[in-house]
C-alpha atoms as a PDB file:
ATOM      1  CA  MET A   1       6.234 -48.138 -23.297  1.00  0.00           C
ATOM      2  CA  ARG A   2       5.325 -44.643 -24.492  1.00  0.00           C
ATOM      3  CA  THR A   3       8.256 -42.760 -26.083  1.00  0.00           C
ATOM      4  CA  ILE A   4       8.602 -39.012 -25.496  1.00  0.00           C
ATOM      5  CA  PRO A   5       9.572 -37.153 -28.697  1.00  0.00           C
ATOM      6  CA  LYS A   6      13.094 -35.730 -28.716  1.00  0.00           C
ATOM      7  CA  GLU A   7      11.912 -32.110 -29.003  1.00  0.00           C
ATOM      8  CA  LYS A   8       9.773 -32.488 -25.869  1.00  0.00           C
ATOM      9  CA  ARG A   9      12.684 -34.077 -23.994  1.00  0.00           C
ATOM     10  CA  GLU A  10      14.813 -31.076 -24.918  1.00  0.00           C
ATOM     11  CA  MET A  11      12.090 -28.691 -23.759  1.00  0.00           C
ATOM     12  CA  SER A  12      11.824 -30.468 -20.412  1.00  0.00           C
ATOM     13  CA  ARG A  13      15.548 -29.896 -19.804  1.00  0.00           C
ATOM     14  CA  ALA A  14      15.387 -26.200 -20.671  1.00  0.00           C
ATOM     15  CA  PRO A  15      15.511 -23.796 -17.707  1.00  0.00           C
ATOM     16  CA  MET A  16      12.146 -22.337 -16.782  1.00  0.00           C
ATOM     17  CA  ILE A  17      11.820 -18.573 -16.453  1.00  0.00           C
ATOM     18  CA  THR A  18       9.349 -18.091 -13.626  1.00  0.00           C
ATOM     19  CA  PRO A  19       7.545 -14.929 -12.579  1.00  0.00           C
ATOM     20  CA  MET A  20       9.665 -15.009  -9.420  1.00  0.00           C
ATOM     21  CA  THR A  21      12.803 -14.472 -11.487  1.00  0.00           C
ATOM     22  CA  SER A  22      11.289 -11.434 -13.195  1.00  0.00           C
ATOM     23  CA  ARG A  23       9.958 -10.095  -9.914  1.00  0.00           C
ATOM     24  CA  GLY A  24      13.353 -10.514  -8.311  1.00  0.00           C
ATOM     25  CA  GLN A  25      14.878  -8.367 -11.028  1.00  0.00           C
ATOM     26  CA  GLU A  26      12.206  -5.721 -10.515  1.00  0.00           C
ATOM     27  CA  LEU A  27      12.782  -5.663  -6.770  1.00  0.00           C
ATOM     28  CA  ARG A  28      16.534  -5.322  -7.187  1.00  0.00           C
ATOM     29  CA  ARG A  29      16.006  -2.479  -9.627  1.00  0.00           C
ATOM     30  CA  MET A  30      13.583  -0.657  -7.303  1.00  0.00           C
ATOM     31  CA  GLN A  31      15.979  -1.175  -4.410  1.00  0.00           C
ATOM     32  CA  GLU A  32      18.803   0.480  -6.322  1.00  0.00           C
ATOM     33  CA  GLU A  33      16.496   3.305  -7.351  1.00  0.00           C
ATOM     34  CA  LEU A  34      15.529   3.798  -3.709  1.00  0.00           C
ATOM     35  CA  LYS A  35      19.170   4.119  -2.706  1.00  0.00           C
ATOM     36  CA  ARG A  36      19.653   6.656  -5.480  1.00  0.00           C
ATOM     37  CA  ALA A  37      16.646   8.665  -4.317  1.00  0.00           C
ATOM     38  CA  LEU A  38      17.781   8.696  -0.686  1.00  0.00           C
ATOM     39  CA  LYS A  39      20.962  10.485  -1.730  1.00  0.00           C
ATOM     40  CA  LYS A  40      18.843  13.472  -2.737  1.00  0.00           C
ATOM     41  CA  PRO A  41      17.325  16.021  -0.319  1.00  0.00           C
ATOM     42  CA  VAL A  42      13.895  14.935   0.904  1.00  0.00           C
ATOM     43  CA  GLU A  43      12.153  17.743  -0.995  1.00  0.00           C
ATOM     44  CA  GLU A  44      13.536  16.368  -4.273  1.00  0.00           C
ATOM     45  CA  ARG A  45      11.977  12.933  -3.780  1.00  0.00           C
ATOM     46  CA  ASN A  46       8.530  12.238  -5.210  1.00  0.00           C
ATOM     47  CA  TRP A  47       7.252   8.907  -3.869  1.00  0.00           C
ATOM     48  CA  VAL A  48       4.470   7.157  -5.780  1.00  0.00           C
ATOM     49  CA  MET A  49       2.974   3.670  -5.863  1.00  0.00           C
ATOM     50  CA  VAL A  50       1.892   1.892  -9.045  1.00  0.00           C
ATOM     51  CA  VAL A  51      -0.496  -1.069  -8.964  1.00  0.00           C
ATOM     52  CA  ASN A  52      -1.234  -3.533 -11.768  1.00  0.00           C
ATOM     53  CA  PRO A  53      -4.580  -5.073 -10.698  1.00  0.00           C
ATOM     54  CA  LYS A  54      -4.607  -7.540 -13.610  1.00  0.00           C
ATOM     55  CA  LYS A  55      -1.763  -9.431 -11.915  1.00  0.00           C
ATOM     56  CA  CYS A  56      -3.415  -9.584  -8.497  1.00  0.00           C
ATOM     57  CA  THR A  57      -4.726 -13.014  -7.417  1.00  0.00           C
ATOM     58  CA  ALA A  58      -5.914 -11.874  -3.966  1.00  0.00           C
ATOM     59  CA  CYS A  59      -3.301 -13.923  -2.131  1.00  0.00           C
ATOM     60  CA  PHE A  60      -3.358 -11.232   0.604  1.00  0.00           C
ATOM     61  CA  ALA A  61       0.390 -11.567   1.184  1.00  0.00           C
ATOM     62  CA  CYS A  62       0.681  -7.768   1.043  1.00  0.00           C
ATOM     63  CA  VAL A  63      -2.066  -7.391   3.657  1.00  0.00           C
ATOM     64  CA  VAL A  64      -0.414  -9.844   6.048  1.00  0.00           C
ATOM     65  CA  ALA A  65       3.038  -8.324   5.522  1.00  0.00           C
ATOM     66  CA  CYS A  66       1.697  -4.851   6.212  1.00  0.00           C
ATOM     67  CA  MET A  67      -0.024  -5.942   9.419  1.00  0.00           C
ATOM     68  CA  ALA A  68       3.104  -7.728  10.654  1.00  0.00           C
ATOM     69  CA  GLU A  69       5.371  -4.795   9.779  1.00  0.00           C
ATOM     70  CA  ASN A  70       3.228  -2.223  11.549  1.00  0.00           C
ATOM     71  CA  VAL A  71       1.996  -4.463  14.412  1.00  0.00           C
ATOM     72  CA  SER A  72      -1.605  -3.781  13.421  1.00  0.00           C
ATOM     73  CA  PRO A  73      -4.273  -4.514  16.055  1.00  0.00           C
ATOM     74  CA  PRO A  74      -7.862  -5.672  15.424  1.00  0.00           C
ATOM     75  CA  GLY A  75      -9.801  -3.227  13.280  1.00  0.00           C
ATOM     76  CA  VAL A  76      -6.682  -1.707  11.707  1.00  0.00           C
ATOM     77  CA  SER A  77      -5.484  -2.726   8.247  1.00  0.00           C
ATOM     78  CA  TYR A  78      -3.484  -0.220   6.238  1.00  0.00           C
ATOM     79  CA  ARG A  79      -3.710  -2.438   3.150  1.00  0.00           C
ATOM     80  CA  VAL A  80      -6.912  -4.062   1.872  1.00  0.00           C
ATOM     81  CA  VAL A  81      -7.792  -5.945  -1.318  1.00  0.00           C
ATOM     82  CA  PRO A  82     -11.414  -5.297  -2.365  1.00  0.00           C
ATOM     83  CA  GLU A  83     -12.805  -7.382  -5.220  1.00  0.00           C
ATOM     84  CA  VAL A  84     -15.594  -7.007  -7.729  1.00  0.00           C
ATOM     85  CA  GLU A  85     -17.241  -9.594  -9.959  1.00  0.00           C
ATOM     86  CA  MET A  86     -18.727  -8.496 -13.259  1.00  0.00           C
ATOM     87  CA  GLY A  87     -20.849 -10.191 -15.893  1.00  0.00           C
ATOM     88  CA  GLU A  88     -23.056 -13.247 -15.881  1.00  0.00           C
ATOM     89  CA  TYR A  89     -22.135 -16.898 -16.143  1.00  0.00           C
ATOM     90  CA  PRO A  90     -20.303 -18.059 -18.184  1.00  0.00           C
ATOM     91  CA  GLN A  91     -18.884 -14.633 -19.103  1.00  0.00           C
ATOM     92  CA  VAL A  92     -17.697 -13.601 -15.671  1.00  0.00           C
ATOM     93  CA  SER A  93     -14.661 -11.524 -14.729  1.00  0.00           C
ATOM     94  CA  ARG A  94     -13.294 -10.596 -11.331  1.00  0.00           C
ATOM     95  CA  THR A  95     -10.933  -7.785 -10.429  1.00  0.00           C
ATOM     96  CA  PHE A  96      -8.899  -7.415  -7.246  1.00  0.00           C
ATOM     97  CA  MET A  97      -7.791  -3.918  -6.355  1.00  0.00           C
ATOM     98  CA  PRO A  98      -5.131  -3.556  -3.638  1.00  0.00           C
ATOM     99  CA  THR A  99      -5.675  -0.244  -1.894  1.00  0.00           C
ATOM    100  CA  ASN A 100      -4.179   1.846   0.898  1.00  0.00           C
ATOM    101  CA  CYS A 101      -3.824   5.518   1.764  1.00  0.00           C
ATOM    102  CA  VAL A 102      -3.082   7.260  -1.528  1.00  0.00           C
ATOM    103  CA  GLN A 103      -1.035  10.074   0.096  1.00  0.00           C
ATOM    104  CA  CYS A 104      -3.056  12.892  -1.485  1.00  0.00           C
ATOM    105  CA  ASP A 105      -1.236  16.061  -2.428  1.00  0.00           C
ATOM    106  CA  ASN A 106      -4.435  17.892  -1.452  1.00  0.00           C
ATOM    107  CA  PRO A 107      -5.559  15.727   1.489  1.00  0.00           C
ATOM    108  CA  PRO A 108      -9.040  16.560   2.804  1.00  0.00           C
ATOM    109  CA  CYS A 109      -8.333  14.500   5.950  1.00  0.00           C
ATOM    110  CA  MET A 110      -5.506  16.850   6.892  1.00  0.00           C
ATOM    111  CA  LYS A 111      -7.691  19.955   6.705  1.00  0.00           C
ATOM    112  CA  ALA A 112     -10.416  18.292   8.767  1.00  0.00           C
ATOM    113  CA  ALA A 113      -8.052  16.930  11.430  1.00  0.00           C
ATOM    114  CA  ASN A 114      -6.026  20.096  11.808  1.00  0.00           C
ATOM    115  CA  ALA A 115      -9.201  22.132  12.304  1.00  0.00           C
ATOM    116  CA  VAL A 116      -9.681  20.116  15.522  1.00  0.00           C
ATOM    117  CA  LYS A 117      -6.079  19.353  16.508  1.00  0.00           C
ATOM    118  CA  PRO A 118      -3.586  21.671  14.733  1.00  0.00           C
ATOM    119  CA  GLU A 119      -0.574  19.980  13.121  1.00  0.00           C
ATOM    120  CA  SER A 120      -1.896  16.501  13.923  1.00  0.00           C
ATOM    121  CA  LEU A 121      -1.588  15.668  10.208  1.00  0.00           C
ATOM    122  CA  THR A 122       1.155  17.032   7.981  1.00  0.00           C
ATOM    123  CA  LYS A 123       2.227  16.706   4.376  1.00  0.00           C
ATOM    124  CA  ARG A 124       5.899  15.804   3.983  1.00  0.00           C
ATOM    125  CA  PRO A 125       7.987  17.261   1.118  1.00  0.00           C
ATOM    126  CA  ASP A 126       8.344  13.756  -0.399  1.00  0.00           C
ATOM    127  CA  GLY A 127       4.552  13.404  -0.624  1.00  0.00           C
ATOM    128  CA  ILE A 128       3.725  11.231   2.389  1.00  0.00           C
ATOM    129  CA  VAL A 129       0.854  12.325   4.644  1.00  0.00           C
ATOM    130  CA  ALA A 130       2.102  11.800   8.206  1.00  0.00           C
ATOM    131  CA  ILE A 131       0.206  11.455  11.503  1.00  0.00           C
ATOM    132  CA  ASP A 132       1.576  12.901  14.728  1.00  0.00           C
ATOM    133  CA  TYR A 133       0.471  10.250  17.210  1.00  0.00           C
ATOM    134  CA  LYS A 134       0.946  12.577  20.188  1.00  0.00           C
ATOM    135  CA  LYS A 135      -1.208  15.365  18.726  1.00  0.00           C
ATOM    136  CA  PHE A 136      -3.799  13.278  16.875  1.00  0.00           C
ATOM    137  CA  ARG A 137      -5.646  12.002  19.938  1.00  0.00           C
ATOM    138  CA  GLY A 138      -9.272  11.030  20.499  1.00  0.00           C
ATOM    139  CA  ARG A 139     -12.385  10.015  18.642  1.00  0.00           C
ATOM    140  CA  GLU A 140     -13.464  13.536  17.717  1.00  0.00           C
ATOM    141  CA  VAL A 141     -10.486  14.340  15.533  1.00  0.00           C
ATOM    142  CA  PHE A 142     -10.544  10.823  14.082  1.00  0.00           C
ATOM    143  CA  GLU A 143     -14.213  11.050  13.081  1.00  0.00           C
ATOM    144  CA  LYS A 144     -13.681  14.397  11.394  1.00  0.00           C
ATOM    145  CA  ALA A 145     -10.682  13.143   9.416  1.00  0.00           C
ATOM    146  CA  ALA A 146     -12.249   9.780   8.527  1.00  0.00           C
ATOM    147  CA  GLN A 147     -15.419  11.421   7.247  1.00  0.00           C
ATOM    148  CA  ALA A 148     -13.374  13.767   5.076  1.00  0.00           C
ATOM    149  CA  CYS A 149     -11.277  10.961   3.528  1.00  0.00           C
ATOM    150  CA  PRO A 150     -12.893   9.709   0.293  1.00  0.00           C
ATOM    151  CA  TYR A 151     -10.705   6.570   0.265  1.00  0.00           C
ATOM    152  CA  THR A 152     -11.655   5.056   3.661  1.00  0.00           C
ATOM    153  CA  ALA A 153      -7.950   4.960   4.506  1.00  0.00           C
ATOM    154  CA  LEU A 154      -8.044   5.916   8.196  1.00  0.00           C
ATOM    155  CA  TYR A 155      -8.483   3.467  11.088  1.00  0.00           C
ATOM    156  CA  PHE A 156      -8.845   4.050  14.808  1.00  0.00           C
ATOM    157  CA  ASP A 157      -6.624   2.174  17.243  1.00  0.00           C
ATOM    158  CA  ASP A 158      -8.924   1.477  20.197  1.00  0.00           C
ATOM    159  CA  GLY A 159      -6.315  -0.443  22.180  1.00  0.00           C
ATOM    160  CA  ARG A 160      -7.503  -3.989  21.539  1.00  0.00           C
ATOM    161  CA  PHE A 161      -5.190  -6.978  21.081  1.00  0.00           C
ATOM    162  CA  TRP A 162      -5.763 -10.095  19.003  1.00  0.00           C
ATOM    163  CA  THR A 163      -5.180 -12.418  21.970  1.00  0.00           C
ATOM    164  CA  GLU A 164      -7.064 -10.293  24.478  1.00  0.00           C
ATOM    165  CA  GLY A 165      -9.022 -12.444  26.914  1.00  0.00           C
ATOM    166  CA  THR A 166      -6.654 -15.392  26.621  1.00  0.00           C
ATOM    167  CA  PRO A 167      -4.232 -16.395  29.415  1.00  0.00           C
ATOM    168  CA  ALA A 168      -1.529 -14.092  28.039  1.00  0.00           C
ATOM    169  CA  LEU A 169      -0.886 -11.582  25.274  1.00  0.00           C
ATOM    170  CA  GLN A 170       1.449 -13.077  22.695  1.00  0.00           C
ATOM    171  CA  PRO A 171       4.931 -11.607  22.140  1.00  0.00           C
ATOM    172  CA  TYR A 172       4.212 -10.651  18.529  1.00  0.00           C
ATOM    173  CA  GLU A 173       1.519  -8.228  19.771  1.00  0.00           C
ATOM    174  CA  GLN A 174       3.736  -6.591  22.361  1.00  0.00           C
ATOM    175  CA  VAL A 175       6.709  -5.732  20.163  1.00  0.00           C
ATOM    176  CA  GLU A 176       7.435  -2.099  19.400  1.00  0.00           C
ATOM    177  CA  ASN A 177       6.892  -0.738  15.934  1.00  0.00           C
ATOM    178  CA  PHE A 178       8.812   2.052  14.232  1.00  0.00           C
ATOM    179  CA  GLU A 179       6.327   4.195  12.391  1.00  0.00           C
ATOM    180  CA  TYR A 180       7.387   7.732  11.433  1.00  0.00           C
ATOM    181  CA  GLY A 181      10.926   7.074  12.610  1.00  0.00           C
ATOM    182  CA  LYS A 182      10.048   6.569  16.276  1.00  0.00           C
ATOM    183  CA  ARG A 183       9.523   3.617  18.620  1.00  0.00           C
ATOM    184  CA  TRP A 184       5.949   2.945  19.650  1.00  0.00           C
ATOM    185  CA  GLY A 185       4.557   0.398  22.090  1.00  0.00           C
ATOM    186  CA  ARG A 186       0.824  -0.198  22.516  1.00  0.00           C
ATOM    187  CA  VAL A 187       0.976  -2.069  25.835  1.00  0.00           C
ATOM    188  CA  GLY A 188      -0.504   0.092  28.579  1.00  0.00           C
ATOM    189  CA  GLY A 189      -2.494   2.274  26.198  1.00  0.00           C
ATOM    190  CA  SER A 190       0.409   4.343  24.889  1.00  0.00           C
ATOM    191  CA  PRO A 191       0.242   5.874  21.400  1.00  0.00           C
ATOM    192  CA  PRO A 192      -0.674   4.855  18.778  1.00  0.00           C
ATOM    193  CA  VAL A 193      -3.584   3.654  20.957  1.00  0.00           C
ATOM    194  CA  GLY A 194      -6.272   6.329  20.806  1.00  0.00           C
ATOM    195  CA  THR A 195      -5.111   7.742  17.476  1.00  0.00           C
ATOM    196  CA  ALA A 196      -5.809   7.374  13.775  1.00  0.00           C
ATOM    197  CA  ARG A 197      -3.594   4.995  11.843  1.00  0.00           C
ATOM    198  CA  LYS A 198      -3.001   4.540   8.132  1.00  0.00           C
ATOM    199  CA  CYS A 199      -0.499   3.585   5.449  1.00  0.00           C
ATOM    200  CA  HIS A 200       2.579   5.809   5.241  1.00  0.00           C
ATOM    201  CA  PHE A 201       4.404   3.958   2.447  1.00  0.00           C
ATOM    202  CA  CYS A 202       6.437   2.276   5.245  1.00  0.00           C
ATOM    203  CA  LEU A 203       8.322   5.520   5.859  1.00  0.00           C
ATOM    204  CA  HIS A 204      10.515   3.900   8.520  1.00  0.00           C
ATOM    205  CA  ARG A 205      11.610   1.271   5.993  1.00  0.00           C
ATOM    206  CA  LEU A 206      12.293   3.887   3.330  1.00  0.00           C
ATOM    207  CA  ASN A 207      14.519   5.807   5.729  1.00  0.00           C
ATOM    208  CA  ALA A 208      16.413   2.568   6.375  1.00  0.00           C
ATOM    209  CA  GLY A 209      16.880   1.951   2.650  1.00  0.00           C
ATOM    210  CA  MET A 210      14.172  -0.704   2.318  1.00  0.00           C
ATOM    211  CA  LEU A 211      11.104  -0.836   0.075  1.00  0.00           C
ATOM    212  CA  PRO A 212       7.601  -0.921   1.600  1.00  0.00           C
ATOM    213  CA  ALA A 213       6.631  -4.314   3.034  1.00  0.00           C
ATOM    214  CA  CYS A 214       3.696  -4.758   0.639  1.00  0.00           C
ATOM    215  CA  VAL A 215       6.019  -4.269  -2.344  1.00  0.00           C
ATOM    216  CA  THR A 216       8.712  -6.735  -1.291  1.00  0.00           C
ATOM    217  CA  THR A 217       6.137  -9.395  -0.330  1.00  0.00           C
ATOM    218  CA  CYS A 218       4.223  -9.240  -3.615  1.00  0.00           C
ATOM    219  CA  ASP A 219       5.762 -11.980  -5.772  1.00  0.00           C
ATOM    220  CA  GLY A 220       3.160 -11.512  -8.503  1.00  0.00           C
ATOM    221  CA  GLY A 221       4.544  -8.185  -9.661  1.00  0.00           C
ATOM    222  CA  VAL A 222       1.384  -6.281  -8.686  1.00  0.00           C
ATOM    223  CA  THR A 223       2.795  -3.354  -6.700  1.00  0.00           C
ATOM    224  CA  TYR A 224       5.660  -1.016  -7.562  1.00  0.00           C
ATOM    225  CA  PHE A 225       7.190   1.889  -5.673  1.00  0.00           C
ATOM    226  CA  GLY A 226       9.670   4.604  -6.454  1.00  0.00           C
ATOM    227  CA  ASP A 227      10.631   8.198  -7.119  1.00  0.00           C
ATOM    228  CA  LEU A 228       8.598   9.788  -9.890  1.00  0.00           C
ATOM    229  CA  ASN A 229      11.160  12.597 -10.100  1.00  0.00           C
ATOM    230  CA  ASP A 230      13.637  10.018 -11.403  1.00  0.00           C
ATOM    231  CA  PRO A 231      12.907   9.603 -15.138  1.00  0.00           C
ATOM    232  CA  LYS A 232      14.890   6.346 -15.140  1.00  0.00           C
ATOM    233  CA  SER A 233      12.911   4.760 -12.297  1.00  0.00           C
ATOM    234  CA  LEU A 234      10.668   1.760 -12.878  1.00  0.00           C
ATOM    235  CA  VAL A 235       7.558   3.665 -11.778  1.00  0.00           C
ATOM    236  CA  SER A 236       8.330   6.434 -14.276  1.00  0.00           C
ATOM    237  CA  GLU A 237       8.806   3.831 -16.999  1.00  0.00           C
ATOM    238  CA  LEU A 238       5.532   2.084 -16.172  1.00  0.00           C
ATOM    239  CA  LEU A 239       3.520   5.291 -16.178  1.00  0.00           C
ATOM    240  CA  THR A 240       5.121   6.356 -19.455  1.00  0.00           C
ATOM    241  CA  THR A 241       4.510   3.088 -21.299  1.00  0.00           C
ATOM    242  CA  HIS A 242       1.092   2.118 -19.870  1.00  0.00           C
ATOM    243  CA  ARG A 243      -2.283   3.731 -19.469  1.00  0.00           C
ATOM    244  CA  SER A 244      -3.183   4.470 -15.868  1.00  0.00           C
ATOM    245  CA  LEU A 245      -5.841   6.006 -13.695  1.00  0.00           C
ATOM    246  CA  ARG A 246      -6.073   7.377 -10.181  1.00  0.00           C
ATOM    247  CA  LEU A 247      -9.142   7.076  -8.001  1.00  0.00           C
ATOM    248  CA  LYS A 248     -11.537   9.981  -7.483  1.00  0.00           C
ATOM    249  CA  VAL A 249      -9.285  12.571  -9.102  1.00  0.00           C
ATOM    250  CA  GLY A 250     -12.386  14.631  -9.786  1.00  0.00           C
ATOM    251  CA  LEU A 251     -12.412  15.559  -6.100  1.00  0.00           C
ATOM    252  CA  GLY A 252      -9.124  17.390  -6.514  1.00  0.00           C
ATOM    253  CA  THR A 253      -7.275  15.194  -4.007  1.00  0.00           C
ATOM    254  CA  LYS A 254      -4.301  14.516  -6.320  1.00  0.00           C
ATOM    255  CA  PRO A 255      -3.581  10.929  -5.169  1.00  0.00           C
ATOM    256  CA  ARG A 256      -0.143   9.314  -5.476  1.00  0.00           C
ATOM    257  CA  VAL A 257      -1.307   5.757  -6.184  1.00  0.00           C
ATOM    258  CA  TYR A 258      -1.731   4.844  -9.859  1.00  0.00           C
ATOM    259  CA  TYR A 259      -3.537   1.820 -11.337  1.00  0.00           C
ATOM    260  CA  LEU A 260      -2.428   0.441 -14.701  1.00  0.00           C
ATOM    261  CA  VAL A 261      -5.286  -0.041 -17.162  1.00  0.00           C
ATOM    262  CA  ASP A 262      -4.106  -1.085 -20.595  1.00  0.00           C
ATOM    263  CA  ASP A 263      -7.527  -2.144 -21.818  1.00  0.00           C
ATOM    264  CA  THR A 264     -11.074  -0.851 -21.545  1.00  0.00           C
ATOM    265  CA  GLN A 265     -12.293  -3.833 -19.535  1.00  0.00           C
ATOM    266  CA  ALA A 266      -9.673  -3.266 -16.840  1.00  0.00           C
ATOM    267  CA  ALA A 267     -10.704   0.362 -16.525  1.00  0.00           C
ATOM    268  CA  GLU A 268     -14.401  -0.532 -16.332  1.00  0.00           C
ATOM    269  CA  ASN A 269     -13.721  -3.170 -13.682  1.00  0.00           C
ATOM    270  CA  LEU A 270     -11.836  -0.671 -11.569  1.00  0.00           C
ATOM    271  CA  LYS A 271     -14.637   1.861 -11.847  1.00  0.00           C
ATOM    272  CA  ALA A 272     -17.138  -0.810 -10.809  1.00  0.00           C
ATOM    273  CA  CYS A 273     -14.953  -1.817  -7.905  1.00  0.00           C
ATOM    274  CA  LEU A 274     -14.737   1.797  -6.824  1.00  0.00           C
ATOM    275  CA  ALA A 275     -18.529   2.137  -6.960  1.00  0.00           C
ATOM    276  CA  CYS A 276     -18.906  -0.768  -4.493  1.00  0.00           C
ATOM    277  CA  HIS A 277     -16.109   0.168  -2.124  1.00  0.00           C
ATOM    278  CA  ARG A 278     -16.554   3.830  -1.331  1.00  0.00           C
END
């Protein structure tokens, strides 16, 4: 019978430190930082999202969580995970880049939408670009805003349901959602049907003291969220200790989503991904 060396037996009994343990610590830290930020006036909060694409395995847990949280209908997905493959066999690399509305500080969509329907899009003091579902109505204003957005972040809710045409709509499609601090129900064509929809950093969750759904669901440590005005926050620490880039900053949009790029290859992959997913 094969004998296992003593040192290997000792190693097998040692506790394993899994990525879940580390991620749990990060989530607890971000949760405490969120509570700290909510004690400040809204104009003193500076919400940002930080993404580490090198950790992303395209499990799409963040996409599913986002759709469930916001009761997303067909054709609407606030969170997407584009991918790009570079190189030739056998030297091939693939990058996954989780993306959503980047909450521009100079949002071109807002200027375009408000030219058609005034105050249908607003910029909150904490940085979130918010849609007024009662004012932002119709295809015309949507098309203007969507064409102006360089990040393809806006989607139109045309009133469809996933189980449409079956004997009955399922309960999970008929539940109310709580975007922008209000109750919304799509049954019967009520808003947000007929409006633009997009990521809002799960504002309703933030107001309730919870992190965005995509952040809490990501067990790979890909996505981080917090108050950049807090120098002790995890997002501030990450952006201080790592190289990062933001997409299409040359357009003057001033996005609030940062991607960590600690090596040249990661940066090149992101640029290539951006070239394919405009």
